[in-house]
Amino acid sequence: MKINETSCCSCSGASKGQTCGCAETSCRTPAIQTTTSMLTFANRLDHLLARLGWHRSEHRVEPGLYRLGDPDAESPVFASANYTLSFDALRSQLAGIDAWILVLDTKGINVWCAAGKGTFGTDELVHRIESSGLASLVSHRTIIVPQLGAPGVSWPEVVRRTKFIVEYGPVRADDLPEYLKTHTATPAMRCVEFSLWDRFVLTPVEFMHFALPTGAVAAVLWFLAGPVTALAAVSAVLAGTVLFPLLLPVLPTRDFSTKGMILGVIVALPFAYVFGTNPELPAWAGVLSAAAALLLIPAAISYLALNFTGCTPFTSRTGVKKEIFSYVKVMAGMAAVGAAAGIILGVCRILGVI
């Protein structure tokens, strides 16, 4: 969806309809895009591709003001990100409701992540309120912002700069119809959940990031070290990108790194047993193979687990930084020692020692 915004060149002080001393004949309010609450096949396909990480940065709508239904001066105003899944989640839940949707330029990032990065923030919200001419379209001065956008928006600053009051809506868009009846969120509407389904939908995009390199590495390992070693590499990636988020609440400890390390040890133990008891290998080679598995697999899964710190309600920015500085060196050390063991085994295999 594209908006053809038309504004007067550098004459922000002119009022609507006033003649300017530039090529434009008059200052005009930026064009308003019309949208609906209906999701088309193309929308759903876009959502699927976004979930799979296909051209991730391209799943966005044009920032600006959107008209949903036939809104008037009393209609509610909602703020959203220009990530298609965020925008579509909002508009699809407002069926039968006339409203204005102010889309912020979050660079194609969802509300929560953009709030953390600062793109769904005070300055951008103020800019969109002013550039859209929103004050001339509505008689009230209230804009409903998703609760997950709260970390990026300072409501006192927005009020001071625009006279618009920020009203934090519920966490989930599907609660909006009920919320609009009273403009009061119940405790359930404020509760951030992270259900099994919420965790499951995160897995495809994470796995797809590693699918191609994992396939290449597994193919090489198959020919150099055998099918069990190739299976170990694939299992580590599947555990780190799919199994870890599904088991997140039941894994002990609070840190994602140690949660991933525990899962990694569980995944590595069967492979370590197979390698260590392989009758075709000398005893020292079996021990070295088992050690490599117990070092490399937990380190890989622990590292992959860190990818989920930015997309769950379990963490904070400071907590993530602390965790990274605390555990990445440990992961790197384990991976280095495990890789060295693997290299020694590979050289010995090539030389015919084993």
Protein backbone atom coordinates (compact mmCIF):
# COMPACT_ATOMS: atom_id res chain seq x y z
CA MET A 1 0.00 0.00 0.00
CA LYS A 2 1.43 3.33 -0.98
CA ILE A 3 0.53 6.79 0.17
CA ASN A 4 1.12 9.70 -2.15
CA GLU A 5 1.69 12.39 0.44
CA THR A 6 1.38 15.90 -0.96
CA SER A 7 2.61 18.78 1.14
CA CYS A 8 3.79 22.32 0.59
CA CYS A 9 7.53 22.70 0.30
CA SER A 10 9.02 24.12 3.49
CA CYS A 11 6.02 26.25 4.46
CA SER A 12 5.04 24.50 7.63
CA GLY A 13 3.91 27.76 9.12
CA ALA A 14 1.11 28.16 6.57
CA SER A 15 -2.35 27.02 7.49
CA LYS A 16 -4.41 24.59 5.47
CA GLY A 17 -5.40 26.16 2.16
CA GLN A 18 -2.99 29.11 2.51
CA THR A 19 -0.99 30.09 -0.57
CA CYS A 20 2.78 29.53 -0.36
CA GLY A 21 5.72 31.12 -2.09
CA CYS A 22 6.88 27.94 -3.75
CA ALA A 23 5.95 25.70 -6.66
CA GLU A 24 2.89 24.38 -4.82
CA THR A 25 -0.23 26.47 -5.12
CA SER A 26 -1.39 25.74 -1.59
CA CYS A 27 -0.61 23.73 1.53
CA ARG A 28 -2.65 20.58 1.65
CA THR A 29 -3.15 17.89 4.23
CA PRO A 30 -1.19 14.70 3.33
CA ALA A 31 -3.30 12.15 1.48
CA ILE A 32 -5.07 9.59 3.66
CA GLN A 33 -4.96 5.96 2.61
CA THR A 34 -8.13 3.88 2.92
CA THR A 35 -7.96 0.37 4.36
CA THR A 36 -10.44 -2.30 5.46
CA SER A 37 -10.64 -4.90 8.20
CA MET A 38 -10.73 -7.76 5.68
CA LEU A 39 -7.59 -9.84 5.20
CA THR A 40 -7.09 -11.05 1.65
CA PHE A 41 -5.25 -14.10 0.36
CA ALA A 42 -2.33 -11.81 -0.51
CA ASN A 43 -2.25 -10.56 3.10
CA ARG A 44 -2.21 -14.08 4.50
CA LEU A 45 0.51 -15.12 2.05
CA ASP A 46 2.53 -12.13 3.17
CA HIS A 47 2.09 -13.23 6.78
CA LEU A 48 3.29 -16.74 5.95
CA LEU A 49 6.37 -15.44 4.16
CA ALA A 50 7.11 -13.09 7.04
CA ARG A 51 6.89 -16.01 9.48
CA LEU A 52 9.33 -17.92 7.30
CA GLY A 53 11.73 -14.98 7.22
CA TRP A 54 11.41 -14.51 3.45
CA HIS A 55 12.67 -11.01 2.59
CA ARG A 56 11.96 -10.05 6.19
CA SER A 57 12.50 -6.31 5.70
CA GLU A 58 9.91 -6.09 2.90
CA HIS A 59 6.82 -6.92 4.96
CA ARG A 60 5.73 -3.38 5.62
CA VAL A 61 3.08 -0.81 4.78
CA GLU A 62 3.64 2.86 4.05
CA PRO A 63 3.71 5.03 7.20
CA GLY A 64 1.02 7.68 7.55
CA LEU A 65 -2.65 8.03 8.33
CA TYR A 66 -5.19 5.40 7.28
CA ARG A 67 -8.99 5.62 7.21
CA LEU A 68 -10.79 2.44 8.32
CA GLY A 69 -14.47 2.46 7.41
CA ASP A 70 -16.03 5.92 7.51
CA PRO A 71 -14.45 7.68 10.50
CA ASP A 72 -15.45 11.15 11.62
CA ALA A 73 -14.14 13.67 14.14
CA GLU A 74 -15.28 11.52 17.08
CA SER A 75 -13.79 8.25 15.84
CA PRO A 76 -10.96 6.64 17.81
CA VAL A 77 -7.36 6.91 16.67
CA PHE A 78 -4.99 3.95 16.92
CA ALA A 79 -1.21 3.88 16.53
CA SER A 80 0.49 0.93 14.88
CA ALA A 81 3.79 -0.17 13.39
CA ASN A 82 4.32 -0.41 9.64
CA TYR A 83 5.09 -4.12 9.92
CA THR A 84 2.34 -5.91 7.99
CA LEU A 85 1.59 -8.42 10.76
CA SER A 86 1.16 -5.62 13.32
CA PHE A 87 -0.94 -3.43 11.04
CA ASP A 88 -3.11 -6.33 9.84
CA ALA A 89 -3.60 -7.67 13.37
CA LEU A 90 -4.99 -4.27 14.38
CA ARG A 91 -7.28 -3.59 11.42
CA SER A 92 -8.63 -7.16 11.27
CA GLN A 93 -9.94 -6.83 14.84
CA LEU A 94 -11.76 -3.57 14.13
CA ALA A 95 -14.43 -4.98 11.84
CA GLY A 96 -17.49 -2.72 11.88
CA ILE A 97 -15.62 0.03 13.71
CA ASP A 98 -14.90 3.36 12.03
CA ALA A 99 -11.44 4.49 13.05
CA TRP A 100 -8.23 6.28 12.15
CA ILE A 101 -4.99 4.31 12.14
CA LEU A 102 -1.75 6.22 12.46
CA VAL A 103 1.08 4.06 11.15
CA LEU A 104 4.54 4.85 12.48
CA ASP A 105 7.69 4.20 10.49
CA THR A 106 9.23 1.34 12.46
CA LYS A 107 11.32 0.12 9.51
CA GLY A 108 9.12 -2.93 9.11
CA ILE A 109 9.55 -4.05 12.73
CA ASN A 110 6.71 -5.08 15.06
CA VAL A 111 5.50 -2.79 17.84
CA TRP A 112 7.24 -4.48 20.75
CA CYS A 113 10.66 -4.83 19.13
CA ALA A 114 10.41 -1.36 17.59
CA ALA A 115 9.59 0.12 21.01
CA GLY A 116 12.77 -1.45 22.35
CA LYS A 117 14.79 -0.16 19.41
CA GLY A 118 13.26 3.31 19.63
CA THR A 119 11.59 3.38 16.20
CA PHE A 120 8.15 3.01 17.78
CA GLY A 121 8.90 5.96 19.99
CA THR A 122 7.96 9.40 21.16
CA ASP A 123 9.64 11.35 18.35
CA GLU A 124 8.15 9.22 15.59
CA LEU A 125 4.67 9.36 17.14
CA VAL A 126 4.85 13.13 17.47
CA HIS A 127 6.11 13.44 13.90
CA ARG A 128 3.24 11.36 12.52
CA ILE A 129 0.62 13.22 14.52
CA GLU A 130 1.89 16.54 13.18
CA SER A 131 2.63 15.51 9.59
CA SER A 132 -0.74 13.76 9.14
CA GLY A 133 -2.75 16.80 10.21
CA LEU A 134 -4.52 14.60 12.75
CA ALA A 135 -5.50 17.53 14.97
CA SER A 136 -7.62 18.98 12.18
CA LEU A 137 -9.42 15.67 11.58
CA VAL A 138 -10.55 14.74 15.08
CA SER A 139 -12.23 16.77 17.80
CA HIS A 140 -10.78 14.73 20.65
CA ARG A 141 -7.12 14.52 21.61
CA THR A 142 -6.65 10.84 22.43
CA ILE A 143 -4.54 8.30 20.60
CA ILE A 144 -4.65 4.62 21.56
CA VAL A 145 -1.19 3.03 21.61
CA PRO A 146 -0.60 -0.73 22.03
CA GLN A 147 0.53 -1.60 25.54
CA LEU A 148 3.61 -3.32 24.10
CA GLY A 149 4.61 0.03 22.61
CA ALA A 150 4.75 1.68 26.04
CA PRO A 151 8.53 1.24 26.56
CA GLY A 152 9.20 3.49 23.57
CA VAL A 153 6.57 6.20 24.16
CA SER A 154 6.75 8.89 26.83
CA TRP A 155 3.15 10.03 27.25
CA PRO A 156 4.04 13.27 29.13
CA GLU A 157 6.32 14.27 26.26
CA VAL A 158 3.66 13.48 23.65
CA VAL A 159 1.11 15.58 25.56
CA ARG A 160 3.55 18.46 25.89
CA ARG A 161 4.46 18.49 22.21
CA THR A 162 1.13 17.66 20.55
CA LYS A 163 -1.63 18.06 23.19
CA PHE A 164 -2.65 14.48 22.38
CA ILE A 165 -3.18 12.15 25.32
CA VAL A 166 -1.68 8.68 24.96
CA GLU A 167 -4.05 5.92 26.04
CA TYR A 168 -2.40 2.53 26.35
CA GLY A 169 -4.69 -0.14 24.95
CA PRO A 170 -4.65 -3.88 25.68
CA VAL A 171 -1.78 -6.23 24.88
CA ARG A 172 -3.70 -8.17 22.24
CA ALA A 173 -5.54 -6.63 19.33
CA ASP A 174 -8.42 -9.09 19.65
CA ASP A 175 -9.34 -7.46 22.98
CA LEU A 176 -9.92 -4.07 21.34
CA PRO A 177 -13.67 -4.42 20.58
CA GLU A 178 -14.36 -5.14 24.26
CA TYR A 179 -11.88 -2.52 25.43
CA LEU A 180 -13.54 0.21 23.33
CA LYS A 181 -16.81 -0.24 25.23
CA THR A 182 -15.31 1.27 28.39
CA HIS A 183 -11.75 2.26 27.45
CA THR A 184 -10.70 0.37 30.55
CA ALA A 185 -8.43 -2.65 30.32
CA THR A 186 -9.13 -5.61 32.58
CA PRO A 187 -6.23 -7.39 34.31
CA ALA A 188 -6.47 -10.12 31.67
CA MET A 189 -6.09 -7.53 28.90
CA ARG A 190 -2.89 -6.28 30.54
CA CYS A 191 -1.41 -9.74 30.99
CA VAL A 192 1.40 -10.64 28.59
CA GLU A 193 1.09 -14.32 27.77
CA PHE A 194 3.58 -16.51 25.94
CA SER A 195 1.61 -19.64 25.15
CA LEU A 196 2.81 -22.76 23.35
CA TRP A 197 1.31 -21.42 20.12
CA ASP A 198 2.98 -18.03 20.61
CA ARG A 199 6.30 -19.80 20.95
CA PHE A 200 5.66 -22.19 18.08
CA VAL A 201 5.05 -19.45 15.51
CA LEU A 202 8.52 -18.06 16.26
CA THR A 203 10.27 -21.25 15.21
CA PRO A 204 10.02 -21.15 11.39
CA VAL A 205 11.84 -17.84 10.94
CA GLU A 206 14.63 -18.89 13.31
CA PHE A 207 15.05 -22.28 11.68
CA MET A 208 15.02 -20.85 8.16
CA HIS A 209 17.97 -18.59 9.04
CA PHE A 210 20.08 -21.70 9.62
CA ALA A 211 18.46 -24.23 7.27
CA LEU A 212 20.76 -23.75 4.29
CA PRO A 213 24.10 -23.64 6.17
CA THR A 214 22.95 -26.55 8.35
CA GLY A 215 22.18 -28.62 5.27
CA ALA A 216 25.58 -27.82 3.78
CA VAL A 217 27.45 -28.66 6.99
CA ALA A 218 25.46 -31.89 7.44
CA ALA A 219 26.27 -32.97 3.88
CA VAL A 220 29.99 -32.40 4.44
CA LEU A 221 29.95 -34.21 7.79
CA TRP A 222 28.06 -37.13 6.25
CA PHE A 223 30.92 -37.82 3.86
CA LEU A 224 33.78 -36.94 6.23
CA ALA A 225 32.58 -38.36 9.53
CA GLY A 226 29.49 -40.44 8.85
CA PRO A 227 25.71 -40.11 9.15
CA VAL A 228 25.62 -40.00 12.95
CA THR A 229 27.82 -36.92 13.03
CA ALA A 230 25.65 -35.27 10.38
CA LEU A 231 22.55 -36.12 12.40
CA ALA A 232 24.15 -34.57 15.48
CA ALA A 233 24.64 -31.26 13.64
CA VAL A 234 21.04 -31.22 12.39
CA SER A 235 19.72 -32.17 15.84
CA ALA A 236 21.61 -29.31 17.46
CA VAL A 237 20.06 -26.75 15.12
CA LEU A 238 16.55 -28.21 15.42
CA ALA A 239 16.85 -28.26 19.20
CA GLY A 240 18.10 -24.68 19.33
CA THR A 241 15.55 -23.20 16.94
CA VAL A 242 12.44 -25.36 17.43
CA LEU A 243 12.62 -27.46 20.59
CA PHE A 244 14.09 -24.75 22.83
CA PRO A 245 11.22 -22.20 22.48
CA LEU A 246 8.63 -24.96 22.90
CA LEU A 247 10.24 -26.14 26.13
CA LEU A 248 11.20 -22.66 27.38
CA PRO A 249 8.90 -22.50 30.45
CA VAL A 250 9.82 -25.97 31.71
CA LEU A 251 13.60 -25.71 31.34
CA PRO A 252 15.21 -24.84 34.70
CA THR A 253 17.19 -21.64 35.44
CA ARG A 254 16.29 -18.11 34.35
CA ASP A 255 19.03 -17.38 31.83
CA PHE A 256 18.39 -18.41 28.26
CA SER A 257 22.02 -19.41 27.87
CA THR A 258 21.93 -21.91 30.73
CA LYS A 259 18.50 -23.13 29.66
CA GLY A 260 20.01 -23.80 26.22
CA MET A 261 23.06 -25.42 27.80
CA ILE A 262 20.89 -27.84 29.77
CA LEU A 263 18.89 -28.76 26.67
CA GLY A 264 22.16 -29.10 24.77
CA VAL A 265 23.53 -31.60 27.27
CA ILE A 266 20.31 -33.63 27.02
CA VAL A 267 20.55 -33.68 23.22
CA ALA A 268 24.29 -34.40 23.25
CA LEU A 269 24.24 -37.36 25.66
CA PRO A 270 22.86 -39.96 23.19
CA PHE A 271 25.41 -38.92 20.56
CA ALA A 272 28.23 -38.94 23.11
CA TYR A 273 27.22 -42.47 24.11
CA VAL A 274 27.16 -43.65 20.49
CA PHE A 275 30.54 -42.07 19.74
CA GLY A 276 32.13 -43.26 22.99
CA THR A 277 31.03 -46.87 22.57
CA ASN A 278 31.75 -47.17 18.85
CA PRO A 279 33.63 -50.48 18.50
CA GLU A 280 35.24 -49.30 15.27
CA LEU A 281 37.16 -46.56 17.08
CA PRO A 282 40.13 -46.85 19.45
CA ALA A 283 39.22 -46.07 23.03
CA TRP A 284 40.98 -42.67 22.97
CA ALA A 285 39.17 -41.70 19.75
CA GLY A 286 35.83 -42.69 21.24
CA VAL A 287 36.45 -40.54 24.32
CA LEU A 288 37.58 -37.63 22.16
CA SER A 289 34.48 -37.98 19.94
CA ALA A 290 32.17 -38.07 22.96
CA ALA A 291 33.90 -35.01 24.42
CA ALA A 292 33.51 -33.13 21.15
CA ALA A 293 29.76 -33.85 21.15
CA LEU A 294 29.38 -32.78 24.79
CA LEU A 295 31.16 -29.52 24.06
CA LEU A 296 29.92 -28.52 20.61
CA ILE A 297 26.22 -29.41 20.83
CA PRO A 298 25.47 -27.59 24.14
CA ALA A 299 27.49 -24.56 22.99
CA ALA A 300 25.56 -24.40 19.69
CA ILE A 301 22.14 -24.79 21.31
CA SER A 302 22.98 -22.27 24.03
CA TYR A 303 24.02 -19.74 21.39
CA LEU A 304 20.87 -20.34 19.33
CA ALA A 305 18.79 -19.90 22.49
CA LEU A 306 20.04 -16.32 22.78
CA ASN A 307 18.15 -15.48 19.58
CA PHE A 308 14.88 -15.77 21.49
CA THR A 309 15.78 -13.21 24.16
CA GLY A 310 14.48 -10.40 21.94
CA CYS A 311 11.11 -11.94 21.13
CA THR A 312 9.83 -13.15 24.48
CA PRO A 313 8.37 -11.43 27.57
CA PHE A 314 10.87 -13.32 29.74
CA THR A 315 13.74 -10.88 29.34
CA SER A 316 14.75 -7.24 29.55
CA ARG A 317 17.34 -5.29 27.57
CA THR A 318 19.72 -5.02 30.53
CA GLY A 319 19.20 -8.68 31.36
CA VAL A 320 20.08 -9.71 27.81
CA LYS A 321 23.25 -7.61 27.80
CA LYS A 322 24.33 -9.05 31.13
CA GLU A 323 23.64 -12.58 29.92
CA ILE A 324 25.58 -12.11 26.69
CA PHE A 325 28.65 -10.78 28.47
CA SER A 326 28.42 -13.54 31.07
CA TYR A 327 28.05 -16.58 28.85
CA VAL A 328 29.25 -15.93 25.30
CA LYS A 329 32.88 -16.42 26.31
CA VAL A 330 31.98 -19.74 27.87
CA MET A 331 30.16 -20.81 24.70
CA ALA A 332 33.08 -19.73 22.54
CA GLY A 333 35.54 -21.62 24.75
CA MET A 334 33.47 -24.80 24.62
CA ALA A 335 33.06 -24.51 20.87
CA ALA A 336 36.79 -23.90 20.36
CA VAL A 337 37.84 -26.93 22.41
CA GLY A 338 35.16 -29.11 20.81
CA ALA A 339 36.18 -27.98 17.33
CA ALA A 340 39.82 -28.70 18.12
CA ALA A 341 38.87 -32.23 19.17
CA GLY A 342 36.91 -32.66 15.96
CA ILE A 343 39.84 -31.42 13.87
CA ILE A 344 42.21 -33.86 15.59
CA LEU A 345 39.83 -36.72 14.86
CA GLY A 346 39.47 -35.61 11.26
CA VAL A 347 43.22 -35.41 10.71
CA CYS A 348 43.68 -38.82 12.29
CA ARG A 349 40.99 -40.24 10.03
CA ILE A 350 42.66 -38.76 6.94
CA LEU A 351 46.05 -40.11 8.02
CA GLY A 352 44.55 -43.54 8.60
CA VAL A 353 45.30 -43.54 12.33
CA ILE A 354 41.67 -44.37 13.08
